[in-house]
Amino acid sequence: MEPSAALQSLIDALRALPGVGPKSAQRLALYILKRPESEIEALAQTLIDAKRQVGLCQVCYHLTAEPVCEICRNPHRDDQTICVVTDVRAVLSLEISLR
């Protein structure tokens, strides 16, 4: 039995996320559809808010809700040294390890 067009569209949208395969996408879609509409609206609004509010730091291009990220604003940082990373996850891991 084929899923409805709306369900298949949701599965396809979830599958487009990194690390989400077809079975996980289907599982997530079915879970989402079982949740109360208010929870789904809150999730959707959170996604929209994050997309609108989070941008790139003007100095280092790290994700931030401010024009300059917390890392670049920190006066204790050595602004003469750079750290090249592959993606945001690496920055987050480094920051956690430095605490």
PDB file of N, CA and C in Angstrom:
ATOM      1  N   MET A   1       0.845  -1.185   0.000  1.00  0.00           N
ATOM      2  CA  MET A   1       0.000   0.000   0.000  1.00  0.00           C
ATOM      3  C   MET A   1       0.888   1.244   0.000  1.00  0.00           C
ATOM      4  N   GLU A   2       0.649   2.128  -0.914  1.00  0.00           N
ATOM      5  CA  GLU A   2       1.414   3.372  -1.045  1.00  0.00           C
ATOM      6  C   GLU A   2       0.876   4.418  -0.076  1.00  0.00           C
ATOM      7  N   PRO A   3       1.778   5.223   0.535  1.00  0.00           N
ATOM      8  CA  PRO A   3       1.305   6.304   1.408  1.00  0.00           C
ATOM      9  C   PRO A   3       0.618   7.390   0.580  1.00  0.00           C
ATOM     10  N   SER A   4      -0.227   8.173   1.247  1.00  0.00           N
ATOM     11  CA  SER A   4      -0.903   9.281   0.559  1.00  0.00           C
ATOM     12  C   SER A   4       0.144  10.265   0.057  1.00  0.00           C
ATOM     13  N   ALA A   5      -0.263  11.125  -0.850  1.00  0.00           N
ATOM     14  CA  ALA A   5       0.663  12.106  -1.415  1.00  0.00           C
ATOM     15  C   ALA A   5       1.216  13.025  -0.321  1.00  0.00           C
ATOM     16  N   ALA A   6       0.366  13.424   0.621  1.00  0.00           N
ATOM     17  CA  ALA A   6       0.813  14.320   1.697  1.00  0.00           C
ATOM     18  C   ALA A   6       1.822  13.623   2.601  1.00  0.00           C
ATOM     19  N   LEU A   7       1.563  12.364   2.945  1.00  0.00           N
ATOM     20  CA  LEU A   7       2.500  11.601   3.778  1.00  0.00           C
ATOM     21  C   LEU A   7       3.810  11.388   3.036  1.00  0.00           C
ATOM     22  N   GLN A   8       3.730  11.034   1.768  1.00  0.00           N
ATOM     23  CA  GLN A   8       4.954  10.821   0.995  1.00  0.00           C
ATOM     24  C   GLN A   8       5.766  12.102   0.879  1.00  0.00           C
ATOM     25  N   SER A   9       5.088  13.222   0.756  1.00  0.00           N
ATOM     26  CA  SER A   9       5.769  14.518   0.681  1.00  0.00           C
ATOM     27  C   SER A   9       6.515  14.806   1.984  1.00  0.00           C
ATOM     28  N   LEU A  10       5.885  14.497   3.120  1.00  0.00           N
ATOM     29  CA  LEU A  10       6.532  14.688   4.423  1.00  0.00           C
ATOM     30  C   LEU A  10       7.735  13.758   4.555  1.00  0.00           C
ATOM     31  N   ILE A  11       7.577  12.510   4.163  1.00  0.00           N
ATOM     32  CA  ILE A  11       8.687  11.549   4.204  1.00  0.00           C
ATOM     33  C   ILE A  11       9.848  12.045   3.351  1.00  0.00           C
ATOM     34  N   ASP A  12       9.539  12.500   2.151  1.00  0.00           N
ATOM     35  CA  ASP A  12      10.585  12.997   1.246  1.00  0.00           C
ATOM     36  C   ASP A  12      11.307  14.208   1.829  1.00  0.00           C
ATOM     37  N   ALA A  13      10.551  15.105   2.460  1.00  0.00           N
ATOM     38  CA  ALA A  13      11.153  16.297   3.064  1.00  0.00           C
ATOM     39  C   ALA A  13      12.081  15.912   4.212  1.00  0.00           C
ATOM     40  N   LEU A  14      11.662  14.965   5.031  1.00  0.00           N
ATOM     41  CA  LEU A  14      12.500  14.518   6.144  1.00  0.00           C
ATOM     42  C   LEU A  14      13.722  13.760   5.641  1.00  0.00           C
ATOM     43  N   ARG A  15      13.546  13.015   4.569  1.00  0.00           N
ATOM     44  CA  ARG A  15      14.657  12.246   4.014  1.00  0.00           C
ATOM     45  C   ARG A  15      15.745  13.158   3.455  1.00  0.00           C
ATOM     46  N   ALA A  16      15.386  14.374   3.106  1.00  0.00           N
ATOM     47  CA  ALA A  16      16.363  15.330   2.583  1.00  0.00           C
ATOM     48  C   ALA A  16      17.327  15.812   3.667  1.00  0.00           C
ATOM     49  N   LEU A  17      16.981  15.575   4.936  1.00  0.00           N
ATOM     50  CA  LEU A  17      17.869  15.962   6.032  1.00  0.00           C
ATOM     51  C   LEU A  17      19.069  15.033   6.078  1.00  0.00           C
ATOM     52  N   PRO A  18      20.236  15.569   6.440  1.00  0.00           N
ATOM     53  CA  PRO A  18      21.432  14.717   6.492  1.00  0.00           C
ATOM     54  C   PRO A  18      21.295  13.615   7.545  1.00  0.00           C
ATOM     55  N   GLY A  19      21.690  12.426   7.167  1.00  0.00           N
ATOM     56  CA  GLY A  19      21.683  11.303   8.096  1.00  0.00           C
ATOM     57  C   GLY A  19      20.334  10.628   8.261  1.00  0.00           C
ATOM     58  N   VAL A  20      19.329  11.088   7.532  1.00  0.00           N
ATOM     59  CA  VAL A  20      17.996  10.496   7.648  1.00  0.00           C
ATOM     60  C   VAL A  20      17.733   9.652   6.403  1.00  0.00           C
ATOM     61  N   GLY A  21      17.660   8.358   6.617  1.00  0.00           N
ATOM     62  CA  GLY A  21      17.380   7.443   5.516  1.00  0.00           C
ATOM     63  C   GLY A  21      15.888   7.237   5.355  1.00  0.00           C
ATOM     64  N   PRO A  22      15.496   6.378   4.425  1.00  0.00           N
ATOM     65  CA  PRO A  22      14.072   6.189   4.143  1.00  0.00           C
ATOM     66  C   PRO A  22      13.265   5.660   5.333  1.00  0.00           C
ATOM     67  N   LYS A  23      13.818   4.700   6.057  1.00  0.00           N
ATOM     68  CA  LYS A  23      13.080   4.145   7.200  1.00  0.00           C
ATOM     69  C   LYS A  23      12.956   5.159   8.332  1.00  0.00           C
ATOM     70  N   SER A  24      14.032   5.883   8.604  1.00  0.00           N
ATOM     71  CA  SER A  24      13.979   6.911   9.646  1.00  0.00           C
ATOM     72  C   SER A  24      13.012   8.026   9.262  1.00  0.00           C
ATOM     73  N   ALA A  25      13.023   8.409   7.987  1.00  0.00           N
ATOM     74  CA  ALA A  25      12.112   9.453   7.519  1.00  0.00           C
ATOM     75  C   ALA A  25      10.664   9.019   7.693  1.00  0.00           C
ATOM     76  N   GLN A  26      10.393   7.782   7.358  1.00  0.00           N
ATOM     77  CA  GLN A  26       9.029   7.270   7.514  1.00  0.00           C
ATOM     78  C   GLN A  26       8.631   7.235   8.987  1.00  0.00           C
ATOM     79  N   ARG A  27       9.545   6.769   9.844  1.00  0.00           N
ATOM     80  CA  ARG A  27       9.281   6.699  11.282  1.00  0.00           C
ATOM     81  C   ARG A  27       9.011   8.087  11.845  1.00  0.00           C
ATOM     82  N   LEU A  28       9.839   9.064  11.459  1.00  0.00           N
ATOM     83  CA  LEU A  28       9.642  10.439  11.925  1.00  0.00           C
ATOM     84  C   LEU A  28       8.323  11.015  11.427  1.00  0.00           C
ATOM     85  N   ALA A  29       8.005  10.774  10.172  1.00  0.00           N
ATOM     86  CA  ALA A  29       6.761  11.296   9.601  1.00  0.00           C
ATOM     87  C   ALA A  29       5.554  10.744  10.357  1.00  0.00           C
ATOM     88  N   LEU A  30       5.553   9.445  10.605  1.00  0.00           N
ATOM     89  CA  LEU A  30       4.433   8.843  11.327  1.00  0.00           C
ATOM     90  C   LEU A  30       4.352   9.367  12.759  1.00  0.00           C
ATOM     91  N   TYR A  31       5.486   9.555  13.394  1.00  0.00           N
ATOM     92  CA  TYR A  31       5.510  10.119  14.746  1.00  0.00           C
ATOM     93  C   TYR A  31       4.927  11.530  14.741  1.00  0.00           C
ATOM     94  N   ILE A  32       5.388  12.351  13.801  1.00  0.00           N
ATOM     95  CA  ILE A  32       4.927  13.738  13.707  1.00  0.00           C
ATOM     96  C   ILE A  32       3.411  13.787  13.515  1.00  0.00           C
ATOM     97  N   LEU A  33       2.885  12.939  12.648  1.00  0.00           N
ATOM     98  CA  LEU A  33       1.456  12.949  12.376  1.00  0.00           C
ATOM     99  C   LEU A  33       0.614  12.514  13.575  1.00  0.00           C
ATOM    100  N   LYS A  34       1.215  11.786  14.501  1.00  0.00           N
ATOM    101  CA  LYS A  34       0.488  11.355  15.704  1.00  0.00           C
ATOM    102  C   LYS A  34       0.477  12.426  16.796  1.00  0.00           C
ATOM    103  N   ARG A  35       1.340  13.422  16.687  1.00  0.00           N
ATOM    104  CA  ARG A  35       1.446  14.460  17.704  1.00  0.00           C
ATOM    105  C   ARG A  35       0.294  15.447  17.578  1.00  0.00           C
ATOM    106  N   PRO A  36      -0.049  16.123  18.676  1.00  0.00           N
ATOM    107  CA  PRO A  36      -1.089  17.151  18.606  1.00  0.00           C
ATOM    108  C   PRO A  36      -0.666  18.283  17.665  1.00  0.00           C
ATOM    109  N   GLU A  37      -1.630  18.881  17.013  1.00  0.00           N
ATOM    110  CA  GLU A  37      -1.348  19.936  16.044  1.00  0.00           C
ATOM    111  C   GLU A  37      -0.572  21.085  16.676  1.00  0.00           C
ATOM    112  N   SER A  38      -0.840  21.373  17.945  1.00  0.00           N
ATOM    113  CA  SER A  38      -0.127  22.470  18.622  1.00  0.00           C
ATOM    114  C   SER A  38       1.377  22.192  18.707  1.00  0.00           C
ATOM    115  N   GLU A  39       1.758  20.936  18.906  1.00  0.00           N
ATOM    116  CA  GLU A  39       3.179  20.578  18.953  1.00  0.00           C
ATOM    117  C   GLU A  39       3.833  20.731  17.584  1.00  0.00           C
ATOM    118  N   ILE A  40       3.098  20.354  16.553  1.00  0.00           N
ATOM    119  CA  ILE A  40       3.633  20.468  15.197  1.00  0.00           C
ATOM    120  C   ILE A  40       3.783  21.935  14.818  1.00  0.00           C
ATOM    121  N   GLU A  41       2.804  22.758  15.190  1.00  0.00           N
ATOM    122  CA  GLU A  41       2.898  24.193  14.916  1.00  0.00           C
ATOM    123  C   GLU A  41       4.078  24.810  15.662  1.00  0.00           C
ATOM    124  N   ALA A  42       4.295  24.381  16.909  1.00  0.00           N
ATOM    125  CA  ALA A  42       5.430  24.900  17.686  1.00  0.00           C
ATOM    126  C   ALA A  42       6.752  24.497  17.039  1.00  0.00           C
ATOM    127  N   LEU A  43       6.849  23.265  16.570  1.00  0.00           N
ATOM    128  CA  LEU A  43       8.061  22.802  15.881  1.00  0.00           C
ATOM    129  C   LEU A  43       8.291  23.609  14.610  1.00  0.00           C
ATOM    130  N   ALA A  44       7.235  23.781  13.833  1.00  0.00           N
ATOM    131  CA  ALA A  44       7.346  24.545  12.584  1.00  0.00           C
ATOM    132  C   ALA A  44       7.774  25.982  12.871  1.00  0.00           C
ATOM    133  N   GLN A  45       7.200  26.592  13.899  1.00  0.00           N
ATOM    134  CA  GLN A  45       7.553  27.975  14.232  1.00  0.00           C
ATOM    135  C   GLN A  45       8.994  28.071  14.722  1.00  0.00           C
ATOM    136  N   THR A  46       9.446  27.070  15.466  1.00  0.00           N
ATOM    137  CA  THR A  46      10.829  27.048  15.936  1.00  0.00           C
ATOM    138  C   THR A  46      11.796  26.977  14.755  1.00  0.00           C
ATOM    139  N   LEU A  47      11.479  26.166  13.759  1.00  0.00           N
ATOM    140  CA  LEU A  47      12.314  26.075  12.554  1.00  0.00           C
ATOM    141  C   LEU A  47      12.353  27.420  11.823  1.00  0.00           C
ATOM    142  N   ILE A  48      11.203  28.047  11.669  1.00  0.00           N
ATOM    143  CA  ILE A  48      11.127  29.343  10.988  1.00  0.00           C
ATOM    144  C   ILE A  48      11.909  30.395  11.759  1.00  0.00           C
ATOM    145  N   ASP A  49      11.724  30.428  13.086  1.00  0.00           N
ATOM    146  CA  ASP A  49      12.432  31.409  13.922  1.00  0.00           C
ATOM    147  C   ASP A  49      13.945  31.233  13.818  1.00  0.00           C
ATOM    148  N   ALA A  50      14.399  29.994  13.887  1.00  0.00           N
ATOM    149  CA  ALA A  50      15.844  29.738  13.806  1.00  0.00           C
ATOM    150  C   ALA A  50      16.384  30.194  12.462  1.00  0.00           C
ATOM    151  N   LYS A  51      15.666  29.901  11.399  1.00  0.00           N
ATOM    152  CA  LYS A  51      16.126  30.289  10.060  1.00  0.00           C
ATOM    153  C   LYS A  51      16.199  31.809   9.927  1.00  0.00           C
ATOM    154  N   ARG A  52      15.241  32.505  10.520  1.00  0.00           N
ATOM    155  CA  ARG A  52      15.204  33.966  10.425  1.00  0.00           C
ATOM    156  C   ARG A  52      16.215  34.645  11.342  1.00  0.00           C
ATOM    157  N   GLN A  53      16.484  34.047  12.503  1.00  0.00           N
ATOM    158  CA  GLN A  53      17.292  34.710  13.521  1.00  0.00           C
ATOM    159  C   GLN A  53      18.765  34.332  13.508  1.00  0.00           C
ATOM    160  N   VAL A  54      19.089  33.164  13.006  1.00  0.00           N
ATOM    161  CA  VAL A  54      20.476  32.711  13.033  1.00  0.00           C
ATOM    162  C   VAL A  54      21.119  33.006  11.678  1.00  0.00           C
ATOM    163  N   GLY A  55      22.257  33.668  11.755  1.00  0.00           N
ATOM    164  CA  GLY A  55      22.985  33.994  10.539  1.00  0.00           C
ATOM    165  C   GLY A  55      24.458  33.735  10.745  1.00  0.00           C
ATOM    166  N   LEU A  56      25.278  34.369   9.939  1.00  0.00           N
ATOM    167  CA  LEU A  56      26.718  34.169  10.012  1.00  0.00           C
ATOM    168  C   LEU A  56      27.400  35.343  10.696  1.00  0.00           C
ATOM    169  N   CYS A  57      28.376  35.028  11.525  1.00  0.00           N
ATOM    170  CA  CYS A  57      29.203  36.040  12.182  1.00  0.00           C
ATOM    171  C   CYS A  57      29.920  36.860  11.099  1.00  0.00           C
ATOM    172  N   GLN A  58      29.964  38.158  11.283  1.00  0.00           N
ATOM    173  CA  GLN A  58      30.621  39.038  10.322  1.00  0.00           C
ATOM    174  C   GLN A  58      32.138  38.862  10.312  1.00  0.00           C
ATOM    175  N   VAL A  59      32.677  38.256  11.357  1.00  0.00           N
ATOM    176  CA  VAL A  59      34.125  38.086  11.462  1.00  0.00           C
ATOM    177  C   VAL A  59      34.563  36.702  10.980  1.00  0.00           C
ATOM    178  N   CYS A  60      33.956  35.652  11.556  1.00  0.00           N
ATOM    179  CA  CYS A  60      34.448  34.294  11.287  1.00  0.00           C
ATOM    180  C   CYS A  60      33.470  33.401  10.528  1.00  0.00           C
ATOM    181  N   TYR A  61      32.254  33.872  10.328  1.00  0.00           N
ATOM    182  CA  TYR A  61      31.216  33.133   9.610  1.00  0.00           C
ATOM    183  C   TYR A  61      30.661  31.935  10.376  1.00  0.00           C
ATOM    184  N   HIS A  62      30.841  31.938  11.698  1.00  0.00           N
ATOM    185  CA  HIS A  62      30.217  30.931  12.553  1.00  0.00           C
ATOM    186  C   HIS A  62      28.740  31.297  12.697  1.00  0.00           C
ATOM    187  N   LEU A  63      27.883  30.331  12.989  1.00  0.00           N
ATOM    188  CA  LEU A  63      26.469  30.607  13.173  1.00  0.00           C
ATOM    189  C   LEU A  63      26.238  31.390  14.461  1.00  0.00           C
ATOM    190  N   THR A  64      25.408  32.431  14.356  1.00  0.00           N
ATOM    191  CA  THR A  64      25.122  33.273  15.514  1.00  0.00           C
ATOM    192  C   THR A  64      23.831  34.042  15.302  1.00  0.00           C
ATOM    193  N   ALA A  65      23.233  34.472  16.403  1.00  0.00           N
ATOM    194  CA  ALA A  65      22.041  35.326  16.329  1.00  0.00           C
ATOM    195  C   ALA A  65      22.434  36.798  16.436  1.00  0.00           C
ATOM    196  N   GLU A  66      23.703  37.062  16.605  1.00  0.00           N
ATOM    197  CA  GLU A  66      24.228  38.427  16.724  1.00  0.00           C
ATOM    198  C   GLU A  66      25.088  38.731  15.494  1.00  0.00           C
ATOM    199  N   PRO A  67      25.360  40.004  15.232  1.00  0.00           N
ATOM    200  CA  PRO A  67      26.240  40.321  14.093  1.00  0.00           C
ATOM    201  C   PRO A  67      27.636  39.706  14.240  1.00  0.00           C
ATOM    202  N   VAL A  68      28.152  39.674  15.479  1.00  0.00           N
ATOM    203  CA  VAL A  68      29.452  39.064  15.768  1.00  0.00           C
ATOM    204  C   VAL A  68      29.224  37.993  16.829  1.00  0.00           C
ATOM    205  N   CYS A  69      29.741  36.794  16.602  1.00  0.00           N
ATOM    206  CA  CYS A  69      29.490  35.666  17.503  1.00  0.00           C
ATOM    207  C   CYS A  69      30.178  35.848  18.858  1.00  0.00           C
ATOM    208  N   GLU A  70      29.764  35.024  19.785  1.00  0.00           N
ATOM    209  CA  GLU A  70      30.304  35.047  21.155  1.00  0.00           C
ATOM    210  C   GLU A  70      31.811  34.779  21.169  1.00  0.00           C
ATOM    211  N   ILE A  71      32.267  33.915  20.308  1.00  0.00           N
ATOM    212  CA  ILE A  71      33.697  33.588  20.246  1.00  0.00           C
ATOM    213  C   ILE A  71      34.500  34.826  19.849  1.00  0.00           C
ATOM    214  N   CYS A  72      34.064  35.491  18.801  1.00  0.00           N
ATOM    215  CA  CYS A  72      34.794  36.673  18.316  1.00  0.00           C
ATOM    216  C   CYS A  72      34.661  37.869  19.263  1.00  0.00           C
ATOM    217  N   ARG A  73      33.585  37.930  20.039  1.00  0.00           N
ATOM    218  CA  ARG A  73      33.405  39.030  21.003  1.00  0.00           C
ATOM    219  C   ARG A  73      34.217  38.826  22.273  1.00  0.00           C
ATOM    220  N   ASN A  74      34.701  37.623  22.509  1.00  0.00           N
ATOM    221  CA  ASN A  74      35.414  37.305  23.741  1.00  0.00           C
ATOM    222  C   ASN A  74      36.763  38.033  23.763  1.00  0.00           C
ATOM    223  N   PRO A  75      36.961  38.950  24.714  1.00  0.00           N
ATOM    224  CA  PRO A  75      38.208  39.714  24.757  1.00  0.00           C
ATOM    225  C   PRO A  75      39.427  38.877  25.152  1.00  0.00           C
ATOM    226  N   HIS A  76      39.209  37.685  25.664  1.00  0.00           N
ATOM    227  CA  HIS A  76      40.316  36.816  26.079  1.00  0.00           C
ATOM    228  C   HIS A  76      40.829  35.939  24.938  1.00  0.00           C
ATOM    229  N   ARG A  77      40.202  36.016  23.786  1.00  0.00           N
ATOM    230  CA  ARG A  77      40.636  35.235  22.633  1.00  0.00           C
ATOM    231  C   ARG A  77      41.795  35.928  21.932  1.00  0.00           C
ATOM    232  N   ASP A  78      42.678  35.133  21.379  1.00  0.00           N
ATOM    233  CA  ASP A  78      43.806  35.647  20.599  1.00  0.00           C
ATOM    234  C   ASP A  78      43.312  35.892  19.185  1.00  0.00           C
ATOM    235  N   ASP A  79      43.126  37.147  18.828  1.00  0.00           N
ATOM    236  CA  ASP A  79      42.586  37.438  17.499  1.00  0.00           C
ATOM    237  C   ASP A  79      43.651  37.391  16.404  1.00  0.00           C
ATOM    238  N   GLN A  80      44.852  36.994  16.752  1.00  0.00           N
ATOM    239  CA  GLN A  80      45.923  36.838  15.773  1.00  0.00           C
ATOM    240  C   GLN A  80      46.076  35.382  15.322  1.00  0.00           C
ATOM    241  N   THR A  81      45.310  34.487  15.954  1.00  0.00           N
ATOM    242  CA  THR A  81      45.375  33.058  15.651  1.00  0.00           C
ATOM    243  C   THR A  81      44.035  32.602  15.087  1.00  0.00           C
ATOM    244  N   ILE A  82      44.085  31.796  14.054  1.00  0.00           N
ATOM    245  CA  ILE A  82      42.846  31.254  13.503  1.00  0.00           C
ATOM    246  C   ILE A  82      42.843  29.742  13.631  1.00  0.00           C
ATOM    247  N   CYS A  83      41.654  29.196  13.636  1.00  0.00           N
ATOM    248  CA  CYS A  83      41.465  27.751  13.674  1.00  0.00           C
ATOM    249  C   CYS A  83      40.554  27.401  12.502  1.00  0.00           C
ATOM    250  N   VAL A  84      41.045  26.615  11.591  1.00  0.00           N
ATOM    251  CA  VAL A  84      40.267  26.232  10.418  1.00  0.00           C
ATOM    252  C   VAL A  84      39.588  24.898  10.705  1.00  0.00           C
ATOM    253  N   VAL A  85      38.261  24.873  10.528  1.00  0.00           N
ATOM    254  CA  VAL A  85      37.490  23.654  10.771  1.00  0.00           C
ATOM    255  C   VAL A  85      36.632  23.351   9.551  1.00  0.00           C
ATOM    256  N   THR A  86      36.138  22.126   9.490  1.00  0.00           N
ATOM    257  CA  THR A  86      35.347  21.714   8.335  1.00  0.00           C
ATOM    258  C   THR A  86      33.898  22.179   8.397  1.00  0.00           C
ATOM    259  N   ASP A  87      33.325  22.231   9.598  1.00  0.00           N
ATOM    260  CA  ASP A  87      31.939  22.676   9.716  1.00  0.00           C
ATOM    261  C   ASP A  87      31.626  23.111  11.140  1.00  0.00           C
ATOM    262  N   VAL A  88      30.396  23.549  11.352  1.00  0.00           N
ATOM    263  CA  VAL A  88      29.963  24.088  12.645  1.00  0.00           C
ATOM    264  C   VAL A  88      30.113  23.061  13.762  1.00  0.00           C
ATOM    265  N   ARG A  89      29.880  21.804  13.472  1.00  0.00           N
ATOM    266  CA  ARG A  89      30.001  20.769  14.513  1.00  0.00           C
ATOM    267  C   ARG A  89      31.400  20.758  15.114  1.00  0.00           C
ATOM    268  N   ALA A  90      32.409  20.985  14.288  1.00  0.00           N
ATOM    269  CA  ALA A  90      33.781  21.009  14.796  1.00  0.00           C
ATOM    270  C   ALA A  90      33.988  22.194  15.733  1.00  0.00           C
ATOM    271  N   VAL A  91      33.415  23.328  15.406  1.00  0.00           N
ATOM    272  CA  VAL A  91      33.522  24.507  16.278  1.00  0.00           C
ATOM    273  C   VAL A  91      32.874  24.204  17.621  1.00  0.00           C
ATOM    274  N   LEU A  92      31.689  23.620  17.590  1.00  0.00           N
ATOM    275  CA  LEU A  92      30.984  23.301  18.831  1.00  0.00           C
ATOM    276  C   LEU A  92      31.786  22.315  19.672  1.00  0.00           C
ATOM    277  N   SER A  93      32.372  21.312  19.049  1.00  0.00           N
ATOM    278  CA  SER A  93      33.190  20.331  19.778  1.00  0.00           C
ATOM    279  C   SER A  93      34.410  20.996  20.399  1.00  0.00           C
ATOM    280  N   LEU A  94      35.063  21.849  19.650  1.00  0.00           N
ATOM    281  CA  LEU A  94      36.233  22.562  20.176  1.00  0.00           C
ATOM    282  C   LEU A  94      35.867  23.435  21.365  1.00  0.00           C
ATOM    283  N   GLU A  95      34.780  24.157  21.241  1.00  0.00           N
ATOM    284  CA  GLU A  95      34.355  25.040  22.311  1.00  0.00           C
ATOM    285  C   GLU A  95      34.023  24.276  23.571  1.00  0.00           C
ATOM    286  N   ILE A  96      33.380  23.132  23.431  1.00  0.00           N
ATOM    287  CA  ILE A  96      33.046  22.302  24.598  1.00  0.00           C
ATOM    288  C   ILE A  96      34.329  21.799  25.257  1.00  0.00           C
ATOM    289  N   SER A  97      35.292  21.385  24.463  1.00  0.00           N
ATOM    290  CA  SER A  97      36.541  20.843  25.016  1.00  0.00           C
ATOM    291  C   SER A  97      37.396  21.918  25.689  1.00  0.00           C
ATOM    292  N   LEU A  98      37.197  23.170  25.317  1.00  0.00           N
ATOM    293  CA  LEU A  98      37.980  24.256  25.916  1.00  0.00           C
ATOM    294  C   LEU A  98      37.405  24.783  27.228  1.00  0.00           C
ATOM    295  N   ARG A  99      36.221  24.354  27.554  1.00  0.00           N
ATOM    296  CA  ARG A  99      35.577  24.836  28.796  1.00  0.00           C
ATOM    297  C   ARG A  99      36.143  24.188  29.994  1.00  0.00           C
TER     298      ARG A  99
END
